[in-house]
Amino acid sequence: MLAKEKYPGKLIIVEGIDGSGKSTQIDLLYKWLQTTGKSVYFTEWNSSSLVKSTTRLGKKQKMFTPTTFSLLQATDFADRWENYIRPLLKAGTIVLADRYAFTAFARDVARGVDREWVRYLYSFAIQPDLAFYFRVPLDVAIERITGARANLKYYEAGMDLGLSDNKITSFRLFQQRIIAEYEKMIDEFGFTVIDGTLPVEAQQQQMRQIVRKILYRWKGLPSPIRPPRRRRAVWSLTTPTINKGEP
């Protein structure tokens, strides 16, 4: 269980399977929030320099067991939490995260790691102020992923689990497991569900309406950079950003 502790800042995260379109939406939200005059910080899954080289080597040589993979991802998260996320929340910053502990709760359990063990591993983290979950049919996600690039990565496709010798089939089976875990977490962690098949503009409008409510009369930390002049929104993105693959 994640702690209910409150900080002066606001923590807003997005979750969903690869190809759900969540990365496009949090990028748009980040750019919009920068115009509000508040300090905003963005972080993404598996981006800590502390373990990046180890992760790259382990994946290249296919060395990871589900448990070692889980521990390495938790180390990455802990480093970002202690050195960036928590200090910024204490300072009153809006922190946006493309994937949070819930990614581990879904992926690690889908790999066979004990559900309660994984939750305990991340028990130092807090419950976000807002957690968006992008729900999208598996076939749609697969079409987006395979349409964007030729090959699926080994761990992304869940090939380490021996589900199938075919990458597409293995990816489908692995993602079905992940979706099942996400669906169980909707009520457990209070996810705000967004229909990932809606037009990009419609999804973003929904998000902004919800975010406005939690930021209403909230002061936060002013941005050190003067926000750009407000202009009428122009939507240049017509399709969701395709996740580059399981980090």
Protein backbone atom coordinates (compact mmCIF):
# COMPACT_ATOMS: atom_id res chain seq x y z
CA MET A 1 0.00 0.00 0.00
CA LEU A 2 1.27 3.48 -0.84
CA ALA A 3 1.41 6.11 1.90
CA LYS A 4 -1.29 8.80 2.00
CA GLU A 5 1.20 11.50 2.97
CA LYS A 6 0.60 14.95 1.49
CA TYR A 7 3.28 17.33 0.24
CA PRO A 8 3.02 21.02 -0.73
CA GLY A 9 3.44 19.98 -4.36
CA LYS A 10 1.14 17.93 -6.59
CA LEU A 11 1.94 14.50 -8.03
CA ILE A 12 0.14 13.60 -11.26
CA ILE A 13 0.94 10.33 -13.03
CA VAL A 14 -0.17 8.39 -16.10
CA GLU A 15 -0.34 4.62 -16.55
CA GLY A 16 -1.34 2.22 -19.29
CA ILE A 17 0.00 -0.52 -21.52
CA ASP A 18 2.42 0.25 -24.35
CA GLY A 19 0.52 1.92 -27.16
CA SER A 20 -2.16 3.39 -24.90
CA GLY A 21 -1.29 6.98 -25.88
CA LYS A 22 -0.44 8.06 -22.33
CA SER A 23 2.93 9.57 -23.32
CA THR A 24 1.30 11.94 -25.79
CA GLN A 25 -1.20 13.06 -23.19
CA ILE A 26 1.26 13.74 -20.39
CA ASP A 27 3.48 15.65 -22.81
CA LEU A 28 0.55 17.88 -23.77
CA LEU A 29 -0.39 18.30 -20.11
CA TYR A 30 3.19 19.26 -19.25
CA LYS A 31 3.29 21.95 -21.93
CA TRP A 32 -0.08 23.30 -20.81
CA LEU A 33 0.89 23.42 -17.13
CA GLN A 34 4.04 25.35 -18.02
CA THR A 35 1.79 28.23 -19.10
CA THR A 36 0.16 28.47 -15.65
CA GLY A 37 3.14 30.11 -13.99
CA LYS A 38 3.73 27.15 -11.68
CA SER A 39 6.93 25.13 -11.40
CA VAL A 40 6.51 21.81 -13.24
CA TYR A 41 8.86 18.81 -13.40
CA PHE A 42 8.61 15.73 -15.64
CA THR A 43 10.03 12.27 -14.98
CA GLU A 44 9.67 8.95 -16.76
CA TRP A 45 10.09 5.28 -15.96
CA ASN A 46 13.56 3.74 -16.02
CA SER A 47 15.41 7.03 -16.48
CA SER A 48 17.83 7.03 -13.53
CA SER A 49 21.47 7.35 -14.55
CA LEU A 50 22.36 5.25 -11.48
CA VAL A 51 21.31 1.95 -13.06
CA LYS A 52 21.01 2.80 -16.75
CA SER A 53 24.20 1.02 -17.83
CA THR A 54 23.38 -2.06 -15.74
CA THR A 55 19.88 -2.23 -17.20
CA ARG A 56 21.21 -1.89 -20.73
CA LEU A 57 23.79 -4.64 -20.22
CA GLY A 58 21.34 -7.00 -18.53
CA LYS A 59 18.79 -6.63 -21.31
CA LYS A 60 21.40 -7.05 -24.03
CA GLN A 61 22.64 -10.30 -22.52
CA LYS A 62 19.15 -11.41 -21.42
CA MET A 63 20.36 -11.92 -17.87
CA PHE A 64 17.30 -10.87 -15.87
CA THR A 65 15.01 -13.11 -13.90
CA PRO A 66 11.61 -11.59 -13.00
CA THR A 67 12.86 -10.87 -9.47
CA THR A 68 16.17 -9.26 -10.46
CA PHE A 69 14.35 -7.18 -13.07
CA SER A 70 11.88 -6.08 -10.41
CA LEU A 71 14.65 -5.11 -7.97
CA LEU A 72 16.55 -3.14 -10.59
CA GLN A 73 13.46 -1.19 -11.62
CA ALA A 74 12.73 -0.47 -7.96
CA THR A 75 16.28 0.84 -7.53
CA ASP A 76 15.77 3.15 -10.48
CA PHE A 77 12.51 4.43 -9.01
CA ALA A 78 13.98 4.87 -5.52
CA ASP A 79 16.85 6.95 -6.88
CA ARG A 80 14.49 9.27 -8.74
CA TRP A 81 12.14 9.43 -5.75
CA GLU A 82 14.82 10.39 -3.22
CA ASN A 83 16.75 12.82 -5.40
CA TYR A 84 14.09 14.43 -7.56
CA ILE A 85 10.44 13.60 -6.99
CA ARG A 86 10.17 13.94 -3.20
CA PRO A 87 12.37 17.06 -2.86
CA LEU A 88 10.40 18.80 -5.60
CA LEU A 89 7.07 17.85 -4.03
CA LYS A 90 8.32 19.24 -0.72
CA ALA A 91 9.20 22.48 -2.51
CA GLY A 92 5.70 22.82 -3.96
CA THR A 93 6.37 21.70 -7.52
CA ILE A 94 3.91 19.91 -9.80
CA VAL A 95 5.56 16.59 -10.64
CA LEU A 96 4.35 14.72 -13.71
CA ALA A 97 5.38 11.08 -14.06
CA ASP A 98 5.08 8.94 -17.18
CA ARG A 99 4.63 5.66 -15.25
CA TYR A 100 4.84 5.29 -11.50
CA ALA A 101 5.01 2.40 -9.01
CA PHE A 102 1.83 1.00 -10.59
CA THR A 103 3.86 -0.03 -13.63
CA ALA A 104 5.84 -2.37 -11.38
CA PHE A 105 2.64 -3.57 -9.72
CA ALA A 106 1.35 -4.56 -13.17
CA ARG A 107 4.44 -5.76 -15.04
CA ASP A 108 6.22 -7.53 -12.20
CA VAL A 109 3.12 -9.44 -11.14
CA ALA A 110 2.46 -10.30 -14.79
CA ARG A 111 5.93 -11.84 -14.75
CA GLY A 112 5.02 -13.98 -11.75
CA VAL A 113 6.49 -11.91 -8.91
CA ASP A 114 4.43 -11.97 -5.70
CA ARG A 115 1.87 -9.16 -5.65
CA GLU A 116 2.27 -8.24 -1.98
CA TRP A 117 6.07 -8.38 -2.19
CA VAL A 118 6.12 -5.85 -5.03
CA ARG A 119 3.79 -3.51 -3.19
CA TYR A 120 5.98 -3.68 -0.09
CA LEU A 121 9.04 -2.92 -2.24
CA TYR A 122 7.52 0.46 -3.18
CA SER A 123 5.91 1.21 0.18
CA PHE A 124 8.16 4.27 0.65
CA ALA A 125 6.32 6.04 -2.19
CA ILE A 126 3.09 8.01 -1.80
CA GLN A 127 -0.32 7.81 -3.39
CA PRO A 128 -0.41 10.36 -6.24
CA ASP A 129 -2.81 13.29 -6.11
CA LEU A 130 -4.07 12.14 -9.50
CA ALA A 131 -3.48 8.87 -11.35
CA PHE A 132 -4.71 8.64 -14.94
CA TYR A 133 -5.11 5.17 -16.43
CA PHE A 134 -5.45 5.01 -20.21
CA ARG A 135 -7.65 2.08 -21.11
CA VAL A 136 -7.31 0.85 -24.68
CA PRO A 137 -8.25 -2.44 -26.40
CA LEU A 138 -5.28 -4.73 -26.79
CA ASP A 139 -5.71 -4.99 -30.56
CA VAL A 140 -5.54 -1.21 -30.87
CA ALA A 141 -2.37 -1.04 -28.77
CA ILE A 142 -0.71 -3.81 -30.78
CA GLU A 143 -1.60 -2.10 -34.05
CA ARG A 144 -0.09 1.16 -32.82
CA ILE A 145 3.11 -0.49 -31.62
CA THR A 146 3.73 -2.74 -34.61
CA GLY A 147 2.73 0.01 -37.02
CA ALA A 148 5.36 2.33 -35.61
CA ARG A 149 8.35 -0.02 -35.74
CA ALA A 150 9.37 -3.32 -37.20
CA ASN A 151 10.49 -5.29 -34.16
CA LEU A 152 9.37 -5.74 -30.58
CA LYS A 153 12.08 -5.87 -27.93
CA TYR A 154 12.77 -9.09 -26.04
CA TYR A 155 11.56 -8.05 -22.58
CA GLU A 156 8.87 -5.79 -23.97
CA ALA A 157 7.34 -8.80 -25.68
CA GLY A 158 7.65 -10.92 -22.52
CA MET A 159 9.87 -13.41 -24.32
CA ASP A 160 11.65 -14.13 -21.02
CA LEU A 161 8.47 -15.82 -19.79
CA GLY A 162 8.37 -18.51 -22.47
CA LEU A 163 4.76 -17.75 -23.37
CA SER A 164 5.35 -18.25 -27.10
CA ASP A 165 8.18 -18.44 -29.62
CA ASN A 166 6.37 -15.79 -31.66
CA LYS A 167 7.05 -12.23 -30.46
CA ILE A 168 3.64 -10.87 -31.41
CA THR A 169 1.85 -13.75 -29.70
CA SER A 170 4.06 -13.45 -26.62
CA PHE A 171 3.50 -9.69 -26.52
CA ARG A 172 -0.26 -10.19 -26.70
CA LEU A 173 -0.29 -12.76 -23.88
CA PHE A 174 2.02 -10.66 -21.71
CA GLN A 175 0.01 -7.47 -22.23
CA GLN A 176 -3.22 -9.31 -21.40
CA ARG A 177 -1.70 -10.18 -18.02
CA ILE A 178 -0.66 -6.57 -17.49
CA ILE A 179 -4.11 -5.26 -18.38
CA ALA A 180 -5.65 -7.68 -15.88
CA GLU A 181 -3.45 -6.23 -13.12
CA TYR A 182 -4.23 -2.64 -14.10
CA GLU A 183 -7.96 -3.33 -14.04
CA LYS A 184 -7.67 -4.69 -10.48
CA MET A 185 -5.93 -1.49 -9.41
CA ILE A 186 -8.61 0.92 -10.65
CA ASP A 187 -10.60 0.76 -7.42
CA GLU A 188 -7.67 -0.14 -5.18
CA PHE A 189 -5.74 3.04 -6.01
CA GLY A 190 -8.48 5.28 -7.34
CA PHE A 191 -7.39 5.50 -10.97
CA THR A 192 -9.09 8.05 -13.19
CA VAL A 193 -9.86 6.07 -16.34
CA ILE A 194 -9.43 7.74 -19.73
CA ASP A 195 -10.71 6.12 -22.93
CA GLY A 196 -7.52 5.81 -24.98
CA THR A 197 -9.46 5.40 -28.22
CA LEU A 198 -10.94 8.91 -28.09
CA PRO A 199 -9.40 11.67 -30.21
CA VAL A 200 -6.25 13.16 -28.73
CA GLU A 201 -7.96 16.52 -28.20
CA ALA A 202 -10.89 14.97 -26.33
CA GLN A 203 -8.61 13.03 -23.97
CA GLN A 204 -6.56 16.13 -23.23
CA GLN A 205 -9.64 18.23 -22.55
CA GLN A 206 -10.84 15.65 -20.03
CA MET A 207 -7.47 15.63 -18.29
CA ARG A 208 -7.27 19.41 -18.07
CA GLN A 209 -10.74 19.68 -16.59
CA ILE A 210 -9.80 17.22 -13.86
CA VAL A 211 -6.40 18.81 -13.22
CA ARG A 212 -7.98 22.28 -12.93
CA LYS A 213 -10.08 20.98 -10.04
CA ILE A 214 -7.13 19.79 -7.96
CA LEU A 215 -5.18 22.98 -8.69
CA TYR A 216 -8.08 25.31 -7.88
CA ARG A 217 -6.88 27.91 -5.35
CA TRP A 218 -3.61 25.99 -4.96
CA LYS A 219 -0.59 28.28 -4.85
CA GLY A 220 2.34 25.95 -5.47
CA LEU A 221 5.88 27.01 -6.32
CA PRO A 222 6.05 29.80 -8.93
CA SER A 223 8.02 28.96 -12.05
CA PRO A 224 11.41 30.70 -12.29
CA ILE A 225 10.73 31.06 -16.00
CA ARG A 226 8.13 33.53 -17.16
CA PRO A 227 5.29 31.57 -18.77
CA PRO A 228 4.63 32.23 -22.47
CA ARG A 229 1.69 34.40 -23.44
CA ARG A 230 -1.54 32.45 -23.59
CA ARG A 231 -2.63 31.66 -27.08
CA ARG A 232 -5.52 29.81 -28.54
CA ALA A 233 -4.72 26.10 -28.50
CA VAL A 234 -3.71 24.60 -31.82
CA TRP A 235 -3.81 20.81 -31.95
CA SER A 236 -1.06 19.56 -34.22
CA LEU A 237 -1.02 16.00 -32.93
CA THR A 238 -3.52 13.66 -34.48
CA THR A 239 -2.24 10.29 -33.27
CA PRO A 240 -0.92 9.12 -29.91
CA THR A 241 2.80 8.97 -29.28
CA ILE A 242 3.91 5.35 -29.56
CA ASN A 243 5.83 4.17 -26.55
CA LYS A 244 9.31 3.16 -27.62
CA GLY A 245 8.90 -0.10 -25.78
CA GLU A 246 9.23 -1.46 -22.31
CA PRO A 247 11.99 0.55 -20.67
